[in-house]
Amino acid sequence: MIGYAMTDSAINLCDKLTRFSEHWSPRVIAEMNDYQFKLAKLQGEFVWHAHADTDEVFIVLQGAMTLQFRDKAIPLAAGEMYVVPKGVEHRPVAEQECCVMLVEPRGVVNTGDAGGAYTAQNDVWV
């Protein structure tokens, strides 16, 4: 699916989460202006990275995770969110599988400035 058109039904987050199993591979579920709402499943340690031009929102839907920063760690549980400011190096870590919603501008690369094996294809809709 390229883009999002208004439909006559709600977007069911639980249903969308059942449609993929890959970790660290965000899937777009909606767009608002130039922003995308993405679902992702996290497990293990991600790469240290930063997004020079945008903040990044993590909303935990299921499970728990920690956002590690070079000088602190922010634990997040289901129902909690955190905004990582632009340009701040961070690394998401989840001991067990954790499901999150990300809110960020269209075109943001998940690994930011780091690149590497965890870089996911952009604009994959579910």
PDB file of N, CA and C in Angstrom:
ATOM      1  N   MET A   1       0.850  -1.183   0.000  1.00  0.00           N
ATOM      2  CA  MET A   1       0.000   0.000   0.000  1.00  0.00           C
ATOM      3  C   MET A   1       0.886   1.232   0.000  1.00  0.00           C
ATOM      4  N   ILE A   2       0.650   2.133  -0.868  1.00  0.00           N
ATOM      5  CA  ILE A   2       1.370   3.400  -0.917  1.00  0.00           C
ATOM      6  C   ILE A   2       0.402   4.470  -0.456  1.00  0.00           C
ATOM      7  N   GLY A   3       0.736   5.123   0.630  1.00  0.00           N
ATOM      8  CA  GLY A   3      -0.135   6.166   1.154  1.00  0.00           C
ATOM      9  C   GLY A   3      -1.322   5.594   1.910  1.00  0.00           C
ATOM     10  N   TYR A   4      -2.137   6.470   2.394  1.00  0.00           N
ATOM     11  CA  TYR A   4      -3.268   6.076   3.214  1.00  0.00           C
ATOM     12  C   TYR A   4      -4.482   6.868   2.785  1.00  0.00           C
ATOM     13  N   ALA A   5      -5.564   6.182   2.541  1.00  0.00           N
ATOM     14  CA  ALA A   5      -6.819   6.847   2.203  1.00  0.00           C
ATOM     15  C   ALA A   5      -7.804   6.619   3.344  1.00  0.00           C
ATOM     16  N   MET A   6      -8.603   7.599   3.624  1.00  0.00           N
ATOM     17  CA  MET A   6      -9.597   7.477   4.683  1.00  0.00           C
ATOM     18  C   MET A   6     -10.528   6.305   4.376  1.00  0.00           C
ATOM     19  N   THR A   7     -10.800   5.505   5.395  1.00  0.00           N
ATOM     20  CA  THR A   7     -11.681   4.353   5.229  1.00  0.00           C
ATOM     21  C   THR A   7     -12.871   4.491   6.164  1.00  0.00           C
ATOM     22  N   ASP A   8     -13.776   3.525   6.070  1.00  0.00           N
ATOM     23  CA  ASP A   8     -14.965   3.536   6.919  1.00  0.00           C
ATOM     24  C   ASP A   8     -14.793   2.721   8.189  1.00  0.00           C
ATOM     25  N   SER A   9     -13.567   2.299   8.483  1.00  0.00           N
ATOM     26  CA  SER A   9     -13.354   1.507   9.697  1.00  0.00           C
ATOM     27  C   SER A   9     -12.107   1.981  10.436  1.00  0.00           C
ATOM     28  N   ALA A  10     -12.082   1.653  11.703  1.00  0.00           N
ATOM     29  CA  ALA A  10     -10.945   2.017  12.549  1.00  0.00           C
ATOM     30  C   ALA A  10      -9.745   1.125  12.228  1.00  0.00           C
ATOM     31  N   ILE A  11      -8.570   1.600  12.557  1.00  0.00           N
ATOM     32  CA  ILE A  11      -7.352   0.801  12.430  1.00  0.00           C
ATOM     33  C   ILE A  11      -7.179   0.042  13.732  1.00  0.00           C
ATOM     34  N   ASN A  12      -7.165  -1.283  13.649  1.00  0.00           N
ATOM     35  CA  ASN A  12      -7.027  -2.129  14.832  1.00  0.00           C
ATOM     36  C   ASN A  12      -5.552  -2.469  15.028  1.00  0.00           C
ATOM     37  N   LEU A  13      -4.951  -1.905  16.065  1.00  0.00           N
ATOM     38  CA  LEU A  13      -3.514  -2.076  16.293  1.00  0.00           C
ATOM     39  C   LEU A  13      -3.154  -3.535  16.553  1.00  0.00           C
ATOM     40  N   CYS A  14      -3.961  -4.237  17.347  1.00  0.00           N
ATOM     41  CA  CYS A  14      -3.674  -5.650  17.638  1.00  0.00           C
ATOM     42  C   CYS A  14      -3.691  -6.484  16.367  1.00  0.00           C
ATOM     43  N   ASP A  15      -4.679  -6.245  15.505  1.00  0.00           N
ATOM     44  CA  ASP A  15      -4.749  -6.962  14.233  1.00  0.00           C
ATOM     45  C   ASP A  15      -3.518  -6.666  13.381  1.00  0.00           C
ATOM     46  N   LYS A  16      -3.136  -5.423  13.291  1.00  0.00           N
ATOM     47  CA  LYS A  16      -1.967  -5.054  12.487  1.00  0.00           C
ATOM     48  C   LYS A  16      -0.699  -5.736  13.008  1.00  0.00           C
ATOM     49  N   LEU A  17      -0.580  -5.842  14.336  1.00  0.00           N
ATOM     50  CA  LEU A  17       0.604  -6.474  14.927  1.00  0.00           C
ATOM     51  C   LEU A  17       0.687  -7.966  14.612  1.00  0.00           C
ATOM     52  N   THR A  18      -0.446  -8.617  14.349  1.00  0.00           N
ATOM     53  CA  THR A  18      -0.413 -10.043  14.016  1.00  0.00           C
ATOM     54  C   THR A  18       0.047 -10.291  12.591  1.00  0.00           C
ATOM     55  N   ARG A  19       0.139  -9.261  11.777  1.00  0.00           N
ATOM     56  CA  ARG A  19       0.429  -9.419  10.351  1.00  0.00           C
ATOM     57  C   ARG A  19       1.924  -9.436  10.008  1.00  0.00           C
ATOM     58  N   PHE A  20       2.790  -9.279  11.024  1.00  0.00           N
ATOM     59  CA  PHE A  20       4.234  -9.392  10.784  1.00  0.00           C
ATOM     60  C   PHE A  20       4.903  -9.879  12.053  1.00  0.00           C
ATOM     61  N   SER A  21       6.085 -10.471  11.890  1.00  0.00           N
ATOM     62  CA  SER A  21       6.787 -11.018  13.055  1.00  0.00           C
ATOM     63  C   SER A  21       8.227 -10.525  13.187  1.00  0.00           C
ATOM     64  N   GLU A  22       8.746  -9.868  12.152  1.00  0.00           N
ATOM     65  CA  GLU A  22      10.139  -9.434  12.169  1.00  0.00           C
ATOM     66  C   GLU A  22      10.374  -8.373  13.247  1.00  0.00           C
ATOM     67  N   HIS A  23      11.510  -8.493  13.923  1.00  0.00           N
ATOM     68  CA  HIS A  23      11.915  -7.482  14.901  1.00  0.00           C
ATOM     69  C   HIS A  23      12.671  -6.366  14.194  1.00  0.00           C
ATOM     70  N   TRP A  24      12.546  -5.160  14.718  1.00  0.00           N
ATOM     71  CA  TRP A  24      13.272  -3.982  14.245  1.00  0.00           C
ATOM     72  C   TRP A  24      12.919  -3.633  12.800  1.00  0.00           C
ATOM     73  N   SER A  25      11.696  -3.907  12.393  1.00  0.00           N
ATOM     74  CA  SER A  25      11.279  -3.659  11.017  1.00  0.00           C
ATOM     75  C   SER A  25       9.929  -2.934  11.021  1.00  0.00           C
ATOM     76  N   PRO A  26       9.930  -1.613  11.240  1.00  0.00           N
ATOM     77  CA  PRO A  26       8.678  -0.857  11.394  1.00  0.00           C
ATOM     78  C   PRO A  26       7.758  -0.960  10.178  1.00  0.00           C
ATOM     79  N   ARG A  27       6.446  -1.009  10.467  1.00  0.00           N
ATOM     80  CA  ARG A  27       5.410  -1.067   9.435  1.00  0.00           C
ATOM     81  C   ARG A  27       4.486   0.139   9.586  1.00  0.00           C
ATOM     82  N   VAL A  28       4.243   0.832   8.507  1.00  0.00           N
ATOM     83  CA  VAL A  28       3.380   2.015   8.522  1.00  0.00           C
ATOM     84  C   VAL A  28       1.917   1.571   8.579  1.00  0.00           C
ATOM     85  N   ILE A  29       1.142   2.228   9.455  1.00  0.00           N
ATOM     86  CA  ILE A  29      -0.291   1.932   9.526  1.00  0.00           C
ATOM     87  C   ILE A  29      -1.157   3.138   9.186  1.00  0.00           C
ATOM     88  N   ALA A  30      -0.583   4.339   9.216  1.00  0.00           N
ATOM     89  CA  ALA A  30      -1.357   5.547   8.895  1.00  0.00           C
ATOM     90  C   ALA A  30      -0.400   6.711   8.686  1.00  0.00           C
ATOM     91  N   GLU A  31      -0.929   7.749   8.033  1.00  0.00           N
ATOM     92  CA  GLU A  31      -0.187   8.997   7.862  1.00  0.00           C
ATOM     93  C   GLU A  31      -1.073  10.160   8.266  1.00  0.00           C
ATOM     94  N   MET A  32      -0.436  11.186   8.800  1.00  0.00           N
ATOM     95  CA  MET A  32      -1.110  12.432   9.139  1.00  0.00           C
ATOM     96  C   MET A  32      -0.188  13.557   8.697  1.00  0.00           C
ATOM     97  N   ASN A  33      -0.621  14.330   7.722  1.00  0.00           N
ATOM     98  CA  ASN A  33       0.237  15.347   7.128  1.00  0.00           C
ATOM     99  C   ASN A  33       1.521  14.667   6.650  1.00  0.00           C
ATOM    100  N   ASP A  34       2.670  15.078   7.113  1.00  0.00           N
ATOM    101  CA  ASP A  34       3.926  14.456   6.694  1.00  0.00           C
ATOM    102  C   ASP A  34       4.445  13.440   7.704  1.00  0.00           C
ATOM    103  N   TYR A  35       3.610  13.061   8.669  1.00  0.00           N
ATOM    104  CA  TYR A  35       4.031  12.125   9.716  1.00  0.00           C
ATOM    105  C   TYR A  35       3.448  10.746   9.481  1.00  0.00           C
ATOM    106  N   GLN A  36       4.228   9.733   9.860  1.00  0.00           N
ATOM    107  CA  GLN A  36       3.758   8.355   9.774  1.00  0.00           C
ATOM    108  C   GLN A  36       3.630   7.759  11.168  1.00  0.00           C
ATOM    109  N   PHE A  37       2.624   6.916  11.312  1.00  0.00           N
ATOM    110  CA  PHE A  37       2.431   6.109  12.508  1.00  0.00           C
ATOM    111  C   PHE A  37       2.884   4.706  12.126  1.00  0.00           C
ATOM    112  N   LYS A  38       3.874   4.194  12.853  1.00  0.00           N
ATOM    113  CA  LYS A  38       4.464   2.896  12.525  1.00  0.00           C
ATOM    114  C   LYS A  38       4.377   1.966  13.719  1.00  0.00           C
ATOM    115  N   LEU A  39       4.133   0.683  13.447  1.00  0.00           N
ATOM    116  CA  LEU A  39       4.202  -0.341  14.477  1.00  0.00           C
ATOM    117  C   LEU A  39       5.504  -1.097  14.297  1.00  0.00           C
ATOM    118  N   ALA A  40       6.111  -1.483  15.417  1.00  0.00           N
ATOM    119  CA  ALA A  40       7.351  -2.259  15.363  1.00  0.00           C
ATOM    120  C   ALA A  40       7.385  -3.230  16.532  1.00  0.00           C
ATOM    121  N   LYS A  41       8.036  -4.353  16.289  1.00  0.00           N
ATOM    122  CA  LYS A  41       8.299  -5.335  17.342  1.00  0.00           C
ATOM    123  C   LYS A  41       9.796  -5.283  17.634  1.00  0.00           C
ATOM    124  N   LEU A  42      10.124  -5.124  18.893  1.00  0.00           N
ATOM    125  CA  LEU A  42      11.514  -4.979  19.312  1.00  0.00           C
ATOM    126  C   LEU A  42      11.896  -6.155  20.199  1.00  0.00           C
ATOM    127  N   GLN A  43      13.106  -6.639  20.051  1.00  0.00           N
ATOM    128  CA  GLN A  43      13.658  -7.624  20.983  1.00  0.00           C
ATOM    129  C   GLN A  43      15.164  -7.622  20.839  1.00  0.00           C
ATOM    130  N   GLY A  44      15.850  -7.533  21.970  1.00  0.00           N
ATOM    131  CA  GLY A  44      17.300  -7.454  21.970  1.00  0.00           C
ATOM    132  C   GLY A  44      17.759  -6.011  22.029  1.00  0.00           C
ATOM    133  N   GLU A  45      18.977  -5.785  21.570  1.00  0.00           N
ATOM    134  CA  GLU A  45      19.575  -4.441  21.587  1.00  0.00           C
ATOM    135  C   GLU A  45      19.678  -3.903  20.169  1.00  0.00           C
ATOM    136  N   PHE A  46      19.203  -2.688  19.960  1.00  0.00           N
ATOM    137  CA  PHE A  46      19.305  -2.022  18.667  1.00  0.00           C
ATOM    138  C   PHE A  46      20.648  -1.300  18.608  1.00  0.00           C
ATOM    139  N   VAL A  47      20.956  -0.685  17.498  1.00  0.00           N
ATOM    140  CA  VAL A  47      22.211   0.054  17.337  1.00  0.00           C
ATOM    141  C   VAL A  47      22.089   1.458  17.938  1.00  0.00           C
ATOM    142  N   TRP A  48      23.213   1.989  18.409  1.00  0.00           N
ATOM    143  CA  TRP A  48      23.256   3.384  18.823  1.00  0.00           C
ATOM    144  C   TRP A  48      23.080   4.242  17.579  1.00  0.00           C
ATOM    145  N   HIS A  49      22.197   5.229  17.655  1.00  0.00           N
ATOM    146  CA  HIS A  49      21.956   6.089  16.499  1.00  0.00           C
ATOM    147  C   HIS A  49      21.294   7.383  16.945  1.00  0.00           C
ATOM    148  N   ALA A  50      21.226   8.335  16.023  1.00  0.00           N
ATOM    149  CA  ALA A  50      20.531   9.606  16.260  1.00  0.00           C
ATOM    150  C   ALA A  50      19.824  10.000  14.971  1.00  0.00           C
ATOM    151  N   HIS A  51      18.806  10.826  15.113  1.00  0.00           N
ATOM    152  CA  HIS A  51      18.099  11.396  13.968  1.00  0.00           C
ATOM    153  C   HIS A  51      18.354  12.900  14.012  1.00  0.00           C
ATOM    154  N   ALA A  52      19.199  13.381  13.119  1.00  0.00           N
ATOM    155  CA  ALA A  52      19.661  14.768  13.164  1.00  0.00           C
ATOM    156  C   ALA A  52      18.548  15.783  12.951  1.00  0.00           C
ATOM    157  N   ASP A  53      17.520  15.413  12.189  1.00  0.00           N
ATOM    158  CA  ASP A  53      16.522  16.405  11.785  1.00  0.00           C
ATOM    159  C   ASP A  53      15.152  16.257  12.421  1.00  0.00           C
ATOM    160  N   THR A  54      14.946  15.256  13.292  1.00  0.00           N
ATOM    161  CA  THR A  54      13.601  15.063  13.839  1.00  0.00           C
ATOM    162  C   THR A  54      13.615  14.409  15.209  1.00  0.00           C
ATOM    163  N   ASP A  55      12.604  14.754  16.000  1.00  0.00           N
ATOM    164  CA  ASP A  55      12.321  14.026  17.227  1.00  0.00           C
ATOM    165  C   ASP A  55      11.740  12.669  16.827  1.00  0.00           C
ATOM    166  N   GLU A  56      11.720  11.731  17.773  1.00  0.00           N
ATOM    167  CA  GLU A  56      11.134  10.407  17.527  1.00  0.00           C
ATOM    168  C   GLU A  56      10.312  10.015  18.748  1.00  0.00           C
ATOM    169  N   VAL A  57       9.070   9.585  18.511  1.00  0.00           N
ATOM    170  CA  VAL A  57       8.169   9.215  19.603  1.00  0.00           C
ATOM    171  C   VAL A  57       8.077   7.692  19.694  1.00  0.00           C
ATOM    172  N   PHE A  58       8.264   7.155  20.891  1.00  0.00           N
ATOM    173  CA  PHE A  58       8.061   5.740  21.187  1.00  0.00           C
ATOM    174  C   PHE A  58       6.859   5.622  22.114  1.00  0.00           C
ATOM    175  N   ILE A  59       5.838   4.868  21.703  1.00  0.00           N
ATOM    176  CA  ILE A  59       4.669   4.579  22.535  1.00  0.00           C
ATOM    177  C   ILE A  59       4.625   3.069  22.708  1.00  0.00           C
ATOM    178  N   VAL A  60       4.763   2.587  23.940  1.00  0.00           N
ATOM    179  CA  VAL A  60       4.777   1.143  24.187  1.00  0.00           C
ATOM    180  C   VAL A  60       3.339   0.640  24.262  1.00  0.00           C
ATOM    181  N   LEU A  61       3.029  -0.319  23.405  1.00  0.00           N
ATOM    182  CA  LEU A  61       1.693  -0.910  23.356  1.00  0.00           C
ATOM    183  C   LEU A  61       1.619  -2.199  24.169  1.00  0.00           C
ATOM    184  N   GLN A  62       2.637  -3.029  24.058  1.00  0.00           N
ATOM    185  CA  GLN A  62       2.711  -4.303  24.772  1.00  0.00           C
ATOM    186  C   GLN A  62       4.146  -4.528  25.220  1.00  0.00           C
ATOM    187  N   GLY A  63       4.315  -5.092  26.410  1.00  0.00           N
ATOM    188  CA  GLY A  63       5.649  -5.408  26.895  1.00  0.00           C
ATOM    189  C   GLY A  63       6.328  -4.212  27.537  1.00  0.00           C
ATOM    190  N   ALA A  64       7.655  -4.265  27.551  1.00  0.00           N
ATOM    191  CA  ALA A  64       8.457  -3.212  28.174  1.00  0.00           C
ATOM    192  C   ALA A  64       9.768  -3.085  27.416  1.00  0.00           C
ATOM    193  N   MET A  65      10.349  -1.903  27.511  1.00  0.00           N
ATOM    194  CA  MET A  65      11.622  -1.626  26.848  1.00  0.00           C
ATOM    195  C   MET A  65      12.360  -0.564  27.636  1.00  0.00           C
ATOM    196  N   THR A  66      13.593  -0.339  27.268  1.00  0.00           N
ATOM    197  CA  THR A  66      14.386   0.739  27.838  1.00  0.00           C
ATOM    198  C   THR A  66      14.987   1.544  26.702  1.00  0.00           C
ATOM    199  N   LEU A  67      14.872   2.849  26.792  1.00  0.00           N
ATOM    200  CA  LEU A  67      15.586   3.732  25.869  1.00  0.00           C
ATOM    201  C   LEU A  67      16.885   4.099  26.560  1.00  0.00           C
ATOM    202  N   GLN A  68      17.994   3.636  26.016  1.00  0.00           N
ATOM    203  CA  GLN A  68      19.298   3.937  26.585  1.00  0.00           C
ATOM    204  C   GLN A  68      19.865   5.177  25.906  1.00  0.00           C
ATOM    205  N   PHE A  69      20.411   6.040  26.735  1.00  0.00           N
ATOM    206  CA  PHE A  69      21.129   7.224  26.285  1.00  0.00           C
ATOM    207  C   PHE A  69      22.530   7.113  26.843  1.00  0.00           C
ATOM    208  N   ARG A  70      23.446   7.896  26.363  1.00  0.00           N
ATOM    209  CA  ARG A  70      24.838   7.794  26.826  1.00  0.00           C
ATOM    210  C   ARG A  70      24.974   8.146  28.311  1.00  0.00           C
ATOM    211  N   ASP A  71      24.012   8.931  28.840  1.00  0.00           N
ATOM    212  CA  ASP A  71      24.124   9.367  30.242  1.00  0.00           C
ATOM    213  C   ASP A  71      22.970   8.924  31.129  1.00  0.00           C
ATOM    214  N   LYS A  72      22.008   8.145  30.582  1.00  0.00           N
ATOM    215  CA  LYS A  72      20.865   7.707  31.388  1.00  0.00           C
ATOM    216  C   LYS A  72      20.108   6.623  30.636  1.00  0.00           C
ATOM    217  N   ALA A  73      19.142   6.023  31.326  1.00  0.00           N
ATOM    218  CA  ALA A  73      18.258   5.026  30.721  1.00  0.00           C
ATOM    219  C   ALA A  73      16.832   5.327  31.166  1.00  0.00           C
ATOM    220  N   ILE A  74      15.885   5.267  30.223  1.00  0.00           N
ATOM    221  CA  ILE A  74      14.480   5.540  30.508  1.00  0.00           C
ATOM    222  C   ILE A  74      13.693   4.248  30.288  1.00  0.00           C
ATOM    223  N   PRO A  75      13.221   3.611  31.376  1.00  0.00           N
ATOM    224  CA  PRO A  75      12.399   2.415  31.198  1.00  0.00           C
ATOM    225  C   PRO A  75      10.978   2.807  30.792  1.00  0.00           C
ATOM    226  N   LEU A  76      10.391   2.036  29.881  1.00  0.00           N
ATOM    227  CA  LEU A  76       9.033   2.278  29.414  1.00  0.00           C
ATOM    228  C   LEU A  76       8.234   0.985  29.477  1.00  0.00           C
ATOM    229  N   ALA A  77       7.024   1.064  30.014  1.00  0.00           N
ATOM    230  CA  ALA A  77       6.112  -0.073  30.083  1.00  0.00           C
ATOM    231  C   ALA A  77       4.902   0.215  29.201  1.00  0.00           C
ATOM    232  N   ALA A  78       4.068  -0.798  29.006  1.00  0.00           N
ATOM    233  CA  ALA A  78       2.858  -0.639  28.193  1.00  0.00           C
ATOM    234  C   ALA A  78       2.051   0.549  28.697  1.00  0.00           C
ATOM    235  N   GLY A  79       1.624   1.393  27.772  1.00  0.00           N
ATOM    236  CA  GLY A  79       0.854   2.578  28.122  1.00  0.00           C
ATOM    237  C   GLY A  79       1.702   3.811  28.368  1.00  0.00           C
ATOM    238  N   GLU A  80       3.020   3.690  28.209  1.00  0.00           N
ATOM    239  CA  GLU A  80       3.911   4.839  28.422  1.00  0.00           C
ATOM    240  C   GLU A  80       4.565   5.243  27.102  1.00  0.00           C
ATOM    241  N   MET A  81       4.984   6.507  27.045  1.00  0.00           N
ATOM    242  CA  MET A  81       5.642   7.017  25.844  1.00  0.00           C
ATOM    243  C   MET A  81       6.801   7.921  26.223  1.00  0.00           C
ATOM    244  N   TYR A  82       7.670   8.143  25.245  1.00  0.00           N
ATOM    245  CA  TYR A  82       8.802   9.043  25.449  1.00  0.00           C
ATOM    246  C   TYR A  82       9.150   9.674  24.108  1.00  0.00           C
ATOM    247  N   VAL A  83       9.512  10.945  24.138  1.00  0.00           N
ATOM    248  CA  VAL A  83       9.945  11.651  22.943  1.00  0.00           C
ATOM    249  C   VAL A  83      11.462  11.820  23.004  1.00  0.00           C
ATOM    250  N   VAL A  84      12.151  11.207  22.050  1.00  0.00           N
ATOM    251  CA  VAL A  84      13.601  11.365  21.939  1.00  0.00           C
ATOM    252  C   VAL A  84      13.848  12.629  21.113  1.00  0.00           C
ATOM    253  N   PRO A  85      14.523  13.617  21.681  1.00  0.00           N
ATOM    254  CA  PRO A  85      14.777  14.862  20.937  1.00  0.00           C
ATOM    255  C   PRO A  85      15.707  14.628  19.745  1.00  0.00           C
ATOM    256  N   LYS A  86      15.515  15.438  18.715  1.00  0.00           N
ATOM    257  CA  LYS A  86      16.361  15.299  17.530  1.00  0.00           C
ATOM    258  C   LYS A  86      17.823  15.477  17.895  1.00  0.00           C
ATOM    259  N   GLY A  87      18.656  14.701  17.222  1.00  0.00           N
ATOM    260  CA  GLY A  87      20.092  14.794  17.420  1.00  0.00           C
ATOM    261  C   GLY A  87      20.633  14.071  18.637  1.00  0.00           C
ATOM    262  N   VAL A  88      19.761  13.474  19.466  1.00  0.00           N
ATOM    263  CA  VAL A  88      20.216  12.796  20.685  1.00  0.00           C
ATOM    264  C   VAL A  88      20.444  11.311  20.391  1.00  0.00           C
ATOM    265  N   GLU A  89      21.666  10.849  20.643  1.00  0.00           N
ATOM    266  CA  GLU A  89      22.005   9.455  20.405  1.00  0.00           C
ATOM    267  C   GLU A  89      21.265   8.572  21.405  1.00  0.00           C
ATOM    268  N   HIS A  90      20.682   7.481  20.897  1.00  0.00           N
ATOM    269  CA  HIS A  90      19.905   6.590  21.743  1.00  0.00           C
ATOM    270  C   HIS A  90      19.947   5.176  21.179  1.00  0.00           C
ATOM    271  N   ARG A  91      19.488   4.229  22.025  1.00  0.00           N
ATOM    272  CA  ARG A  91      19.416   2.825  21.618  1.00  0.00           C
ATOM    273  C   ARG A  91      18.256   2.168  22.354  1.00  0.00           C
ATOM    274  N   PRO A  92      17.238   1.694  21.614  1.00  0.00           N
ATOM    275  CA  PRO A  92      16.166   0.934  22.249  1.00  0.00           C
ATOM    276  C   PRO A  92      16.653  -0.474  22.595  1.00  0.00           C
ATOM    277  N   VAL A  93      16.229  -0.962  23.754  1.00  0.00           N
ATOM    278  CA  VAL A  93      16.581  -2.309  24.211  1.00  0.00           C
ATOM    279  C   VAL A  93      15.322  -2.943  24.798  1.00  0.00           C
ATOM    280  N   ALA A  94      15.064  -4.198  24.413  1.00  0.00           N
ATOM    281  CA  ALA A  94      13.920  -4.935  24.963  1.00  0.00           C
ATOM    282  C   ALA A  94      14.367  -6.365  25.259  1.00  0.00           C
ATOM    283  N   GLU A  95      14.343  -6.748  26.541  1.00  0.00           N
ATOM    284  CA  GLU A  95      14.757  -8.111  26.908  1.00  0.00           C
ATOM    285  C   GLU A  95      13.808  -9.144  26.321  1.00  0.00           C
ATOM    286  N   GLN A  96      12.513  -8.884  26.385  1.00  0.00           N
ATOM    287  CA  GLN A  96      11.479  -9.732  25.784  1.00  0.00           C
ATOM    288  C   GLN A  96      10.836  -8.939  24.657  1.00  0.00           C
ATOM    289  N   GLU A  97      10.094  -9.597  23.794  1.00  0.00           N
ATOM    290  CA  GLU A  97       9.457  -8.885  22.698  1.00  0.00           C
ATOM    291  C   GLU A  97       8.566  -7.764  23.227  1.00  0.00           C
ATOM    292  N   CYS A  98       8.685  -6.610  22.596  1.00  0.00           N
ATOM    293  CA  CYS A  98       7.952  -5.407  22.971  1.00  0.00           C
ATOM    294  C   CYS A  98       7.358  -4.826  21.692  1.00  0.00           C
ATOM    295  N   CYS A  99       6.090  -4.437  21.751  1.00  0.00           N
ATOM    296  CA  CYS A  99       5.428  -3.846  20.593  1.00  0.00           C
ATOM    297  C   CYS A  99       5.248  -2.355  20.834  1.00  0.00           C
ATOM    298  N   VAL A 100       5.672  -1.548  19.872  1.00  0.00           N
ATOM    299  CA  VAL A 100       5.626  -0.097  20.015  1.00  0.00           C
ATOM    300  C   VAL A 100       4.981   0.555  18.802  1.00  0.00           C
ATOM    301  N   MET A 101       4.507   1.775  19.022  1.00  0.00           N
ATOM    302  CA  MET A 101       4.121   2.640  17.923  1.00  0.00           C
ATOM    303  C   MET A 101       5.141   3.756  17.874  1.00  0.00           C
ATOM    304  N   LEU A 102       5.638   4.034  16.677  1.00  0.00           N
ATOM    305  CA  LEU A 102       6.563   5.132  16.443  1.00  0.00           C
ATOM    306  C   LEU A 102       5.817   6.211  15.674  1.00  0.00           C
ATOM    307  N   VAL A 103       6.092   7.456  16.005  1.00  0.00           N
ATOM    308  CA  VAL A 103       5.520   8.581  15.266  1.00  0.00           C
ATOM    309  C   VAL A 103       6.695   9.443  14.830  1.00  0.00           C
ATOM    310  N   GLU A 104       6.833   9.577  13.503  1.00  0.00           N
ATOM    311  CA  GLU A 104       7.968  10.317  12.966  1.00  0.00           C
ATOM    312  C   GLU A 104       7.648  10.753  11.540  1.00  0.00           C
ATOM    313  N   PRO A 105       8.382  11.727  11.041  1.00  0.00           N
ATOM    314  CA  PRO A 105       8.126  12.191   9.670  1.00  0.00           C
ATOM    315  C   PRO A 105       8.349  11.085   8.635  1.00  0.00           C
ATOM    316  N   ARG A 106       7.602  11.128   7.560  1.00  0.00           N
ATOM    317  CA  ARG A 106       7.769  10.190   6.453  1.00  0.00           C
ATOM    318  C   ARG A 106       9.223  10.229   5.983  1.00  0.00           C
ATOM    319  N   GLY A 107       9.781   9.067   5.708  1.00  0.00           N
ATOM    320  CA  GLY A 107      11.128   8.985   5.155  1.00  0.00           C
ATOM    321  C   GLY A 107      12.238   8.814   6.170  1.00  0.00           C
ATOM    322  N   VAL A 108      11.924   8.843   7.468  1.00  0.00           N
ATOM    323  CA  VAL A 108      12.964   8.677   8.483  1.00  0.00           C
ATOM    324  C   VAL A 108      13.476   7.236   8.451  1.00  0.00           C
ATOM    325  N   VAL A 109      14.792   7.076   8.395  1.00  0.00           N
ATOM    326  CA  VAL A 109      15.428   5.763   8.411  1.00  0.00           C
ATOM    327  C   VAL A 109      15.538   5.302   9.850  1.00  0.00           C
ATOM    328  N   ASN A 110      15.139   4.046  10.121  1.00  0.00           N
ATOM    329  CA  ASN A 110      15.086   3.570  11.503  1.00  0.00           C
ATOM    330  C   ASN A 110      16.433   3.590  12.215  1.00  0.00           C
ATOM    331  N   THR A 111      17.524   3.415  11.488  1.00  0.00           N
ATOM    332  CA  THR A 111      18.846   3.424  12.114  1.00  0.00           C
ATOM    333  C   THR A 111      19.499   4.809  12.096  1.00  0.00           C
ATOM    334  N   GLY A 112      18.750   5.812  11.667  1.00  0.00           N
ATOM    335  CA  GLY A 112      19.265   7.177  11.682  1.00  0.00           C
ATOM    336  C   GLY A 112      20.589   7.296  10.967  1.00  0.00           C
ATOM    337  N   ASP A 113      21.570   7.836  11.670  1.00  0.00           N
ATOM    338  CA  ASP A 113      22.887   8.076  11.091  1.00  0.00           C
ATOM    339  C   ASP A 113      23.803   6.858  11.135  1.00  0.00           C
ATOM    340  N   ALA A 114      23.353   5.761  11.765  1.00  0.00           N
ATOM    341  CA  ALA A 114      24.225   4.609  11.976  1.00  0.00           C
ATOM    342  C   ALA A 114      24.267   3.654  10.790  1.00  0.00           C
ATOM    343  N   GLY A 115      23.133   3.469  10.103  1.00  0.00           N
ATOM    344  CA  GLY A 115      23.090   2.498   9.017  1.00  0.00           C
ATOM    345  C   GLY A 115      23.313   1.087   9.533  1.00  0.00           C
ATOM    346  N   GLY A 116      23.709   0.185   8.656  1.00  0.00           N
ATOM    347  CA  GLY A 116      24.054  -1.169   9.071  1.00  0.00           C
ATOM    348  C   GLY A 116      22.952  -2.191   8.870  1.00  0.00           C
ATOM    349  N   ALA A 117      23.173  -3.368   9.451  1.00  0.00           N
ATOM    350  CA  ALA A 117      22.313  -4.533   9.231  1.00  0.00           C
ATOM    351  C   ALA A 117      20.878  -4.335   9.710  1.00  0.00           C
ATOM    352  N   TYR A 118      20.652  -3.471  10.689  1.00  0.00           N
ATOM    353  CA  TYR A 118      19.299  -3.266  11.216  1.00  0.00           C
ATOM    354  C   TYR A 118      18.485  -2.254  10.401  1.00  0.00           C
ATOM    355  N   THR A 119      19.068  -1.674   9.378  1.00  0.00           N
ATOM    356  CA  THR A 119      18.334  -0.696   8.581  1.00  0.00           C
ATOM    357  C   THR A 119      17.192  -1.397   7.852  1.00  0.00           C
ATOM    358  N   ALA A 120      15.969  -0.945   8.121  1.00  0.00           N
ATOM    359  CA  ALA A 120      14.771  -1.556   7.531  1.00  0.00           C
ATOM    360  C   ALA A 120      14.343  -0.774   6.296  1.00  0.00           C
ATOM    361  N   GLN A 121      13.644  -1.468   5.403  1.00  0.00           N
ATOM    362  CA  GLN A 121      13.068  -0.808   4.235  1.00  0.00           C
ATOM    363  C   GLN A 121      12.041   0.195   4.725  1.00  0.00           C
ATOM    364  N   ASN A 122      12.015   1.360   4.099  1.00  0.00           N
ATOM    365  CA  ASN A 122      11.108   2.433   4.503  1.00  0.00           C
ATOM    366  C   ASN A 122       9.773   2.299   3.787  1.00  0.00           C
ATOM    367  N   ASP A 123       8.736   2.893   4.369  1.00  0.00           N
ATOM    368  CA  ASP A 123       7.386   2.953   3.781  1.00  0.00           C
ATOM    369  C   ASP A 123       6.786   1.584   3.481  1.00  0.00           C
ATOM    370  N   VAL A 124       7.007   0.620   4.357  1.00  0.00           N
ATOM    371  CA  VAL A 124       6.352  -0.683   4.226  1.00  0.00           C
ATOM    372  C   VAL A 124       5.063  -0.618   5.037  1.00  0.00           C
ATOM    373  N   TRP A 125       3.933  -0.775   4.356  1.00  0.00           N
ATOM    374  CA  TRP A 125       2.620  -0.675   4.979  1.00  0.00           C
ATOM    375  C   TRP A 125       2.112  -2.059   5.381  1.00  0.00           C
ATOM    376  N   VAL A 126       1.354  -2.079   6.460  1.00  0.00           N
ATOM    377  CA  VAL A 126       0.708  -3.319   6.885  1.00  0.00           C
ATOM    378  C   VAL A 126      -0.763  -3.026   7.132  1.00  0.00           C
TER     379      VAL A 126
END
